[in-house]
């Protein structure tokens, strides 16, 4: 199965919050939803986290503390192969 980039799944959210915050929200949503959850349920939970101002602030703090960027390779691949994105 091909890897799907966060920008492909959450384009508007990545533009507003940045892909690191969205990635952390997505990772957290996966942990909050029981095993066997559908992709739609995980997306909905991620978006729910991103609408909560306290969660967003916490996620921004966590994103700024990241030393290793676990998503950058996928973002770079998307930029090379996908549509042009503004930084």
N, C-alpha and C. Protein backbone atom coordinates (compact mmCIF):
# COMPACT_ATOMS: atom_id res chain seq x y z
N UNK A 1 0.84 -1.18 0.00
CA UNK A 1 0.00 0.00 0.00
C UNK A 1 0.88 1.24 0.00
N UNK A 2 0.56 2.19 -0.82
CA UNK A 2 1.34 3.42 -0.92
C UNK A 2 1.10 4.28 0.32
N UNK A 3 2.14 4.99 0.70
CA UNK A 3 2.03 5.90 1.83
C UNK A 3 1.24 7.14 1.41
N UNK A 4 0.31 7.55 2.22
CA UNK A 4 -0.47 8.75 1.94
C UNK A 4 0.04 9.84 2.88
N UNK A 5 0.35 10.95 2.32
CA UNK A 5 0.93 12.07 3.04
C UNK A 5 -0.16 12.85 3.80
N UNK A 6 0.21 13.43 4.94
CA UNK A 6 -0.73 14.22 5.72
C UNK A 6 -1.35 15.35 4.89
N UNK A 7 -0.57 15.93 4.00
CA UNK A 7 -1.08 17.02 3.17
C UNK A 7 -2.18 16.52 2.23
N UNK A 8 -2.11 15.27 1.85
CA UNK A 8 -3.15 14.71 1.00
C UNK A 8 -4.42 14.43 1.79
N UNK A 9 -4.28 14.04 3.03
CA UNK A 9 -5.44 13.71 3.87
C UNK A 9 -6.09 14.96 4.46
N UNK A 10 -5.26 15.87 4.94
CA UNK A 10 -5.74 17.08 5.64
C UNK A 10 -5.15 18.35 5.01
N UNK A 11 -5.48 18.64 3.75
CA UNK A 11 -4.85 19.81 3.11
C UNK A 11 -5.16 21.14 3.81
N UNK A 12 -6.40 21.37 4.15
CA UNK A 12 -6.77 22.64 4.79
C UNK A 12 -6.17 22.76 6.18
N UNK A 13 -6.19 21.66 6.92
CA UNK A 13 -5.66 21.67 8.28
C UNK A 13 -4.15 21.90 8.29
N UNK A 14 -3.45 21.28 7.34
CA UNK A 14 -2.00 21.47 7.25
C UNK A 14 -1.66 22.92 6.92
N UNK A 15 -2.48 23.54 6.10
CA UNK A 15 -2.26 24.94 5.76
C UNK A 15 -2.46 25.84 6.98
N UNK A 16 -3.47 25.55 7.78
CA UNK A 16 -3.79 26.38 8.94
C UNK A 16 -2.83 26.12 10.11
N UNK A 17 -2.61 24.85 10.45
CA UNK A 17 -1.87 24.50 11.66
C UNK A 17 -0.44 24.06 11.42
N UNK A 18 -0.11 23.68 10.19
CA UNK A 18 1.21 23.11 9.90
C UNK A 18 1.15 21.60 10.03
N UNK A 19 1.95 20.93 9.21
CA UNK A 19 1.83 19.47 9.15
C UNK A 19 2.32 18.78 10.42
N UNK A 20 3.23 19.40 11.18
CA UNK A 20 3.69 18.77 12.42
C UNK A 20 2.55 18.70 13.44
N UNK A 21 1.81 19.78 13.58
CA UNK A 21 0.68 19.80 14.52
C UNK A 21 -0.38 18.81 14.06
N UNK A 22 -0.67 18.80 12.77
CA UNK A 22 -1.66 17.86 12.24
C UNK A 22 -1.18 16.42 12.43
N UNK A 23 0.09 16.18 12.19
CA UNK A 23 0.64 14.83 12.37
C UNK A 23 0.55 14.36 13.81
N UNK A 24 0.83 15.25 14.74
CA UNK A 24 0.71 14.88 16.15
C UNK A 24 -0.75 14.65 16.53
N UNK A 25 -1.65 15.45 15.99
CA UNK A 25 -3.08 15.25 16.26
C UNK A 25 -3.54 13.91 15.68
N UNK A 26 -3.08 13.60 14.48
CA UNK A 26 -3.43 12.33 13.84
C UNK A 26 -2.92 11.15 14.66
N UNK A 27 -1.69 11.26 15.12
CA UNK A 27 -1.10 10.20 15.94
C UNK A 27 -1.88 10.04 17.25
N UNK A 28 -2.24 11.17 17.87
CA UNK A 28 -3.01 11.12 19.11
C UNK A 28 -4.40 10.52 18.87
N UNK A 29 -5.03 10.90 17.77
CA UNK A 29 -6.35 10.37 17.44
C UNK A 29 -6.31 8.86 17.27
N UNK A 30 -5.25 8.35 16.65
CA UNK A 30 -5.12 6.90 16.49
C UNK A 30 -5.05 6.21 17.84
N UNK A 31 -4.44 6.86 18.83
CA UNK A 31 -4.36 6.28 20.16
C UNK A 31 -5.65 6.38 20.95
N UNK A 32 -6.47 7.34 20.61
CA UNK A 32 -7.73 7.54 21.34
C UNK A 32 -8.87 6.68 20.81
N UNK A 33 -8.74 6.22 19.59
CA UNK A 33 -9.81 5.44 18.96
C UNK A 33 -9.47 3.95 19.13
N UNK A 34 -10.44 3.11 19.41
CA UNK A 34 -10.16 1.68 19.58
C UNK A 34 -9.62 1.03 18.31
N UNK A 35 -8.90 -0.07 18.50
CA UNK A 35 -8.39 -0.82 17.36
C UNK A 35 -9.54 -1.19 16.43
N UNK A 36 -9.25 -1.18 15.14
CA UNK A 36 -10.26 -1.52 14.15
C UNK A 36 -11.08 -0.33 13.69
N UNK A 37 -10.69 0.86 14.14
CA UNK A 37 -11.42 2.05 13.72
C UNK A 37 -11.19 2.30 12.24
N UNK A 38 -12.16 2.89 11.61
CA UNK A 38 -12.04 3.20 10.19
C UNK A 38 -11.22 4.47 10.00
N UNK A 39 -10.73 4.67 8.80
CA UNK A 39 -9.98 5.88 8.48
C UNK A 39 -10.84 7.12 8.70
N UNK A 40 -12.12 7.01 8.40
CA UNK A 40 -13.04 8.14 8.59
C UNK A 40 -13.16 8.51 10.07
N UNK A 41 -13.18 7.52 10.93
CA UNK A 41 -13.27 7.79 12.37
C UNK A 41 -12.00 8.46 12.88
N UNK A 42 -10.86 8.02 12.38
CA UNK A 42 -9.60 8.63 12.79
C UNK A 42 -9.51 10.06 12.28
N UNK A 43 -9.93 10.29 11.04
CA UNK A 43 -9.93 11.65 10.50
C UNK A 43 -10.85 12.55 11.31
N UNK A 44 -12.01 12.06 11.65
CA UNK A 44 -12.97 12.85 12.42
C UNK A 44 -12.40 13.21 13.79
N UNK A 45 -11.75 12.25 14.43
CA UNK A 45 -11.16 12.50 15.75
C UNK A 45 -10.01 13.49 15.64
N UNK A 46 -9.22 13.38 14.57
CA UNK A 46 -8.13 14.32 14.35
C UNK A 46 -8.68 15.73 14.19
N UNK A 47 -9.70 15.88 13.38
CA UNK A 47 -10.31 17.20 13.17
C UNK A 47 -10.93 17.73 14.47
N UNK A 48 -11.49 16.83 15.26
CA UNK A 48 -12.05 17.23 16.56
C UNK A 48 -10.94 17.80 17.45
N UNK A 49 -9.80 17.13 17.49
CA UNK A 49 -8.68 17.63 18.29
C UNK A 49 -8.21 19.00 17.80
N UNK A 50 -8.25 19.20 16.48
CA UNK A 50 -7.78 20.46 15.91
C UNK A 50 -8.78 21.59 16.08
N UNK A 51 -10.00 21.30 16.50
CA UNK A 51 -10.98 22.36 16.76
C UNK A 51 -10.98 22.78 18.23
N UNK A 52 -10.27 22.03 19.06
CA UNK A 52 -10.18 22.35 20.49
C UNK A 52 -8.94 23.21 20.72
N UNK A 53 -9.14 24.44 21.16
CA UNK A 53 -8.02 25.38 21.29
C UNK A 53 -6.96 24.90 22.27
N UNK A 54 -7.35 24.26 23.35
CA UNK A 54 -6.37 23.75 24.32
C UNK A 54 -5.53 22.64 23.70
N UNK A 55 -6.17 21.76 22.94
CA UNK A 55 -5.43 20.68 22.26
C UNK A 55 -4.46 21.26 21.24
N UNK A 56 -4.90 22.24 20.49
CA UNK A 56 -4.04 22.84 19.46
C UNK A 56 -2.83 23.50 20.12
N UNK A 57 -3.04 24.20 21.21
CA UNK A 57 -1.92 24.85 21.89
C UNK A 57 -0.92 23.81 22.41
N UNK A 58 -1.42 22.74 22.99
CA UNK A 58 -0.56 21.67 23.47
C UNK A 58 0.20 21.01 22.31
N UNK A 59 -0.49 20.76 21.22
CA UNK A 59 0.13 20.15 20.06
C UNK A 59 1.18 21.07 19.44
N UNK A 60 0.93 22.36 19.45
CA UNK A 60 1.93 23.31 18.93
C UNK A 60 3.19 23.28 19.79
N UNK A 61 3.01 23.20 21.11
CA UNK A 61 4.16 23.11 22.00
C UNK A 61 4.95 21.83 21.72
N UNK A 62 4.24 20.72 21.57
CA UNK A 62 4.91 19.46 21.26
C UNK A 62 5.62 19.51 19.92
N UNK A 63 4.99 20.12 18.92
CA UNK A 63 5.58 20.21 17.58
C UNK A 63 6.85 21.05 17.60
N UNK A 64 6.85 22.12 18.38
CA UNK A 64 8.04 22.98 18.44
C UNK A 64 9.19 22.28 19.15
N UNK A 65 8.88 21.29 19.99
CA UNK A 65 9.91 20.56 20.71
C UNK A 65 10.46 19.36 19.93
N UNK A 66 9.85 19.04 18.79
CA UNK A 66 10.32 17.90 18.00
C UNK A 66 11.72 18.16 17.46
N UNK A 67 12.61 17.24 17.73
CA UNK A 67 13.96 17.33 17.19
C UNK A 67 14.01 16.61 15.85
N UNK A 68 13.42 15.44 15.80
CA UNK A 68 13.34 14.66 14.57
C UNK A 68 11.97 14.87 13.94
N UNK A 69 11.94 15.15 12.66
CA UNK A 69 10.68 15.37 11.95
C UNK A 69 10.25 14.08 11.27
N UNK A 70 9.30 13.35 11.84
CA UNK A 70 8.93 12.05 11.28
C UNK A 70 8.12 12.11 9.99
N UNK A 71 7.69 13.30 9.57
CA UNK A 71 6.84 13.40 8.39
C UNK A 71 7.51 14.05 7.19
N UNK A 72 8.68 14.64 7.39
CA UNK A 72 9.26 15.45 6.33
C UNK A 72 9.54 14.66 5.06
N UNK A 73 9.96 13.40 5.15
CA UNK A 73 10.24 12.63 3.93
C UNK A 73 8.99 12.49 3.08
N UNK A 74 7.83 12.29 3.72
CA UNK A 74 6.59 12.15 2.96
C UNK A 74 6.17 13.48 2.35
N UNK A 75 6.38 14.57 3.07
CA UNK A 75 6.06 15.89 2.55
C UNK A 75 6.95 16.20 1.34
N UNK A 76 8.23 15.89 1.46
CA UNK A 76 9.15 16.14 0.35
C UNK A 76 8.79 15.28 -0.86
N UNK A 77 8.41 14.03 -0.63
CA UNK A 77 8.00 13.16 -1.73
C UNK A 77 6.76 13.73 -2.42
N UNK A 78 5.82 14.19 -1.63
CA UNK A 78 4.60 14.77 -2.17
C UNK A 78 4.90 16.00 -3.01
N UNK A 79 5.80 16.83 -2.52
CA UNK A 79 6.16 18.05 -3.26
C UNK A 79 6.85 17.72 -4.57
N UNK A 80 7.67 16.67 -4.59
CA UNK A 80 8.35 16.27 -5.83
C UNK A 80 7.37 15.67 -6.83
N UNK A 81 6.42 14.90 -6.34
CA UNK A 81 5.53 14.15 -7.24
C UNK A 81 4.15 14.77 -7.38
N UNK A 82 3.75 15.58 -6.43
CA UNK A 82 2.38 16.09 -6.41
C UNK A 82 2.30 17.52 -6.89
N UNK A 83 1.19 18.16 -6.61
CA UNK A 83 0.99 19.54 -7.03
C UNK A 83 1.93 20.48 -6.28
N UNK A 84 2.15 21.63 -6.85
CA UNK A 84 2.99 22.63 -6.21
C UNK A 84 2.28 23.15 -4.96
N UNK A 85 3.04 23.27 -3.88
CA UNK A 85 2.48 23.79 -2.64
C UNK A 85 3.23 25.05 -2.23
N UNK A 86 2.52 25.99 -1.68
CA UNK A 86 3.17 27.19 -1.17
C UNK A 86 3.65 26.91 0.23
N UNK A 87 4.83 27.41 0.57
CA UNK A 87 5.36 27.23 1.93
C UNK A 87 4.87 28.31 2.84
